């Protein structure tokens, strides 16, 4: 499974992919500039703890972001587990410093939102930004997230799918298709009746 944008390819960090990255078995793309000691520690925890004891559904954890032009991993992000009972999932992301201010975060998060919208169990997405991190706050607001509160120096934003323009457009299409499904058979019946007269 992968997601593709204009400049990026996104892969979910599955147990298998994590193992390949940690064992330097990846040849399709480079992780050199992204795989810091902190990221290596996180991947090890995901493989040894998260996937072993509480494996989430594929896609509801982190994804890596690969820059098409250089074939390098330039960041990661995604969801922090399966949807809760209210259908909420939390999103986060990180782009390496050399690749910031190129619109990559917006591309990646947009793709992840679109992916989440294909899952009926997801009703909204939560994003937490440090109150001093203005670029991240601007990004989530640009993507239609609404400020809903504060928690431990973090500003909390939420994107409700039933208020999202894409969801509304999709809903209109579904309603339109449903109406057509009812109108076409009715039209055929009326035509048949008219032809009998």
Protein backbone atom coordinates (compact mmCIF):
# COMPACT_ATOMS: atom_id res chain seq x y z
CA UNK A 1 0.00 0.00 0.00
CA UNK A 2 1.23 3.50 -0.82
CA UNK A 3 -0.06 7.03 -1.31
CA UNK A 4 1.26 9.35 -3.99
CA UNK A 5 1.22 13.15 -4.29
CA UNK A 6 2.84 15.52 -6.77
CA UNK A 7 6.24 15.37 -5.08
CA UNK A 8 6.00 12.52 -2.57
CA UNK A 9 5.36 8.82 -2.12
CA UNK A 10 4.09 7.69 1.29
CA UNK A 11 4.51 4.17 2.66
CA UNK A 12 3.01 2.94 5.96
CA UNK A 13 5.61 1.71 8.43
CA UNK A 14 4.60 -1.93 8.65
CA UNK A 15 6.44 -4.43 10.81
CA UNK A 16 8.18 -5.81 7.70
CA UNK A 17 9.27 -2.41 6.38
CA UNK A 18 10.60 -1.37 9.80
CA UNK A 19 12.69 -4.54 9.94
CA UNK A 20 14.13 -3.85 6.49
CA UNK A 21 15.00 -0.25 7.43
CA UNK A 22 16.66 -1.25 10.71
CA UNK A 23 18.67 -3.99 8.98
CA UNK A 24 19.74 -1.71 6.10
CA UNK A 25 17.97 -3.94 3.58
CA UNK A 26 16.22 -1.13 1.70
CA UNK A 27 17.46 -0.49 -1.85
CA UNK A 28 14.41 1.29 -3.34
CA UNK A 29 15.05 4.55 -1.47
CA UNK A 30 17.54 6.19 0.90
CA UNK A 31 16.91 6.66 4.62
CA UNK A 32 20.34 8.18 5.36
CA UNK A 33 19.24 11.76 6.11
CA UNK A 34 16.11 10.74 8.02
CA UNK A 35 17.21 7.76 10.11
CA UNK A 36 18.53 9.58 13.17
CA UNK A 37 19.25 7.84 16.44
CA UNK A 38 15.88 9.04 17.75
CA UNK A 39 14.05 7.63 14.73
CA UNK A 40 15.95 4.35 15.00
CA UNK A 41 14.91 4.09 18.67
CA UNK A 42 11.29 4.81 17.74
CA UNK A 43 11.30 2.18 14.98
CA UNK A 44 12.80 -0.38 17.34
CA UNK A 45 10.07 0.32 19.90
CA UNK A 46 7.37 0.03 17.23
CA UNK A 47 8.70 -3.33 16.08
CA UNK A 48 9.51 -4.84 19.49
CA UNK A 49 6.61 -3.44 21.51
CA UNK A 50 3.78 -1.85 19.51
CA UNK A 51 3.42 -4.39 16.70
CA UNK A 52 4.11 -7.30 19.02
CA UNK A 53 1.54 -6.52 21.71
CA UNK A 54 -0.94 -3.96 20.32
CA UNK A 55 -0.75 -4.10 16.52
CA UNK A 56 -2.87 -1.32 14.95
CA UNK A 57 -4.48 -1.62 11.55
CA UNK A 58 -2.14 -0.89 8.65
CA UNK A 59 -2.06 2.84 8.01
CA UNK A 60 -3.10 3.91 11.48
CA UNK A 61 0.51 4.38 12.60
CA UNK A 62 3.43 6.26 11.02
CA UNK A 63 4.17 6.61 7.32
CA UNK A 64 7.46 7.61 5.70
CA UNK A 65 7.54 10.43 3.14
CA UNK A 66 9.80 9.84 0.13
CA UNK A 67 10.78 12.74 -2.12
CA UNK A 68 10.32 11.60 -5.72
CA UNK A 69 13.07 13.84 -7.11
CA UNK A 70 15.82 12.44 -4.86
CA UNK A 71 14.30 9.11 -3.78
CA UNK A 72 15.14 10.03 -0.17
CA UNK A 73 13.01 9.75 2.97
CA UNK A 74 12.49 13.37 3.97
CA UNK A 75 10.06 12.93 6.84
CA UNK A 76 7.43 10.84 8.52
CA UNK A 77 4.01 11.25 10.01
CA UNK A 78 0.65 9.65 10.38
CA UNK A 79 -1.69 8.42 13.06
CA UNK A 80 -1.14 7.39 16.67
CA UNK A 81 -3.26 4.25 16.64
CA UNK A 82 -6.69 3.02 15.64
CA UNK A 83 -9.79 5.26 15.96
CA UNK A 84 -11.26 5.48 19.47
CA UNK A 85 -14.93 4.90 20.29
CA UNK A 86 -15.79 8.41 19.08
CA UNK A 87 -14.08 7.76 15.75
CA UNK A 88 -11.17 10.10 16.57
CA UNK A 89 -7.57 9.61 15.46
CA UNK A 90 -4.57 11.82 16.23
CA UNK A 91 -2.17 12.93 13.52
CA UNK A 92 1.42 14.17 13.67
CA UNK A 93 4.33 14.74 11.29
CA UNK A 94 7.99 15.71 11.03
CA UNK A 95 9.97 16.93 8.00
CA UNK A 96 13.79 16.99 8.07
CA UNK A 97 15.10 20.54 8.35
CA UNK A 98 16.70 20.67 4.88
CA UNK A 99 13.34 19.91 3.22
CA UNK A 100 11.07 22.27 5.13
CA UNK A 101 9.19 25.21 3.56
CA UNK A 102 8.63 23.29 0.33
CA UNK A 103 4.98 22.43 0.94
CA UNK A 104 5.80 18.78 1.62
CA UNK A 105 4.05 18.70 4.99
CA UNK A 106 0.85 20.04 3.43
CA UNK A 107 1.04 17.46 0.62
CA UNK A 108 1.64 14.58 3.00
CA UNK A 109 -1.02 15.53 5.55
CA UNK A 110 -3.56 16.13 2.80
CA UNK A 111 -2.90 12.65 1.43
CA UNK A 112 -3.24 11.12 4.90
CA UNK A 113 -6.52 12.97 5.49
CA UNK A 114 -7.89 11.72 2.15
CA UNK A 115 -6.84 8.19 3.10
CA UNK A 116 -8.54 8.43 6.50
CA UNK A 117 -11.74 9.68 4.88
CA UNK A 118 -12.09 6.33 3.09
CA UNK A 119 -12.52 4.58 6.45
CA UNK A 120 -16.05 4.75 7.81
CA UNK A 121 -14.95 4.29 11.41
CA UNK A 122 -13.04 7.60 11.32
CA UNK A 123 -15.17 10.64 12.17
CA UNK A 124 -12.53 13.26 12.97
CA UNK A 125 -8.78 13.89 13.19
CA UNK A 126 -7.03 15.60 16.11
CA UNK A 127 -3.79 17.57 15.73
CA UNK A 128 -1.78 18.90 18.68
CA UNK A 129 0.69 21.75 18.06
CA UNK A 130 2.98 23.43 20.59
CA UNK A 131 1.69 26.94 21.20
CA UNK A 132 4.99 28.39 19.88
CA UNK A 133 4.96 26.28 16.70
CA UNK A 134 3.23 28.80 14.45
CA UNK A 135 4.02 27.04 11.11
CA UNK A 136 2.28 23.84 12.26
CA UNK A 137 -0.70 25.80 13.55
CA UNK A 138 -0.95 27.63 10.22
CA UNK A 139 -0.76 24.32 8.36
CA UNK A 140 -3.59 22.60 10.23
CA UNK A 141 -5.79 25.69 10.00
CA UNK A 142 -5.12 25.81 6.25
CA UNK A 143 -6.35 22.21 6.08
CA UNK A 144 -9.69 23.13 7.73
CA UNK A 145 -8.83 22.05 11.30
CA UNK A 146 -10.68 23.99 14.02
CA UNK A 147 -9.11 25.13 17.30
CA UNK A 148 -10.86 23.26 20.13
CA UNK A 149 -8.73 23.83 23.23
CA UNK A 150 -5.37 23.70 25.02
CA UNK A 151 -3.51 21.00 26.92
CA UNK A 152 -0.01 21.14 28.48
CA UNK A 153 1.31 23.95 26.25
CA UNK A 154 -0.29 22.32 23.21
CA UNK A 155 -2.99 23.90 21.09
CA UNK A 156 -5.52 21.26 20.03
CA UNK A 157 -7.17 21.32 16.63
CA UNK A 158 -9.78 18.98 15.21
CA UNK A 159 -10.99 18.23 11.70
CA UNK A 160 -14.58 16.97 11.61
CA UNK A 161 -15.25 14.98 8.47
CA UNK A 162 -18.91 15.96 8.23
CA UNK A 163 -17.78 19.62 7.95
CA UNK A 164 -14.92 19.01 5.50
CA UNK A 165 -15.51 20.35 1.94
CA UNK A 166 -14.32 17.09 0.37
CA UNK A 167 -16.69 15.06 2.55
CA UNK A 168 -19.59 17.36 1.66
CA UNK A 169 -18.79 17.02 -2.04
CA UNK A 170 -18.55 13.24 -1.70
CA UNK A 171 -21.86 13.20 0.18
CA UNK A 172 -23.52 15.20 -2.62
CA UNK A 173 -22.22 12.73 -5.19
CA UNK A 174 -23.57 9.78 -3.19
CA UNK A 175 -26.96 11.47 -2.81
CA UNK A 176 -26.95 12.29 -6.52
CA UNK A 177 -26.16 8.70 -7.46
CA UNK A 178 -28.88 7.45 -5.11
CA UNK A 179 -31.40 9.84 -6.67
CA UNK A 180 -30.42 8.74 -10.16
CA UNK A 181 -30.81 5.15 -9.07
CA UNK A 182 -34.40 5.91 -8.12
CA UNK A 183 -35.22 8.22 -11.06
CA UNK A 184 -33.94 6.03 -13.91
CA UNK A 185 -36.14 2.97 -13.13
CA UNK A 186 -39.12 5.30 -12.61
CA UNK A 187 -38.47 6.98 -15.98
CA UNK A 188 -38.31 3.60 -17.69
CA UNK A 189 -41.66 2.63 -16.19
CA UNK A 190 -43.25 5.90 -17.35
CA UNK A 191 -41.86 5.44 -20.87
CA UNK A 192 -43.24 1.89 -21.02
CA UNK A 193 -46.66 3.10 -19.87
CA UNK A 194 -46.64 5.89 -22.45
CA UNK A 195 -45.70 3.51 -25.26
CA UNK A 196 -48.65 1.23 -24.43
CA UNK A 197 -51.17 4.03 -24.91
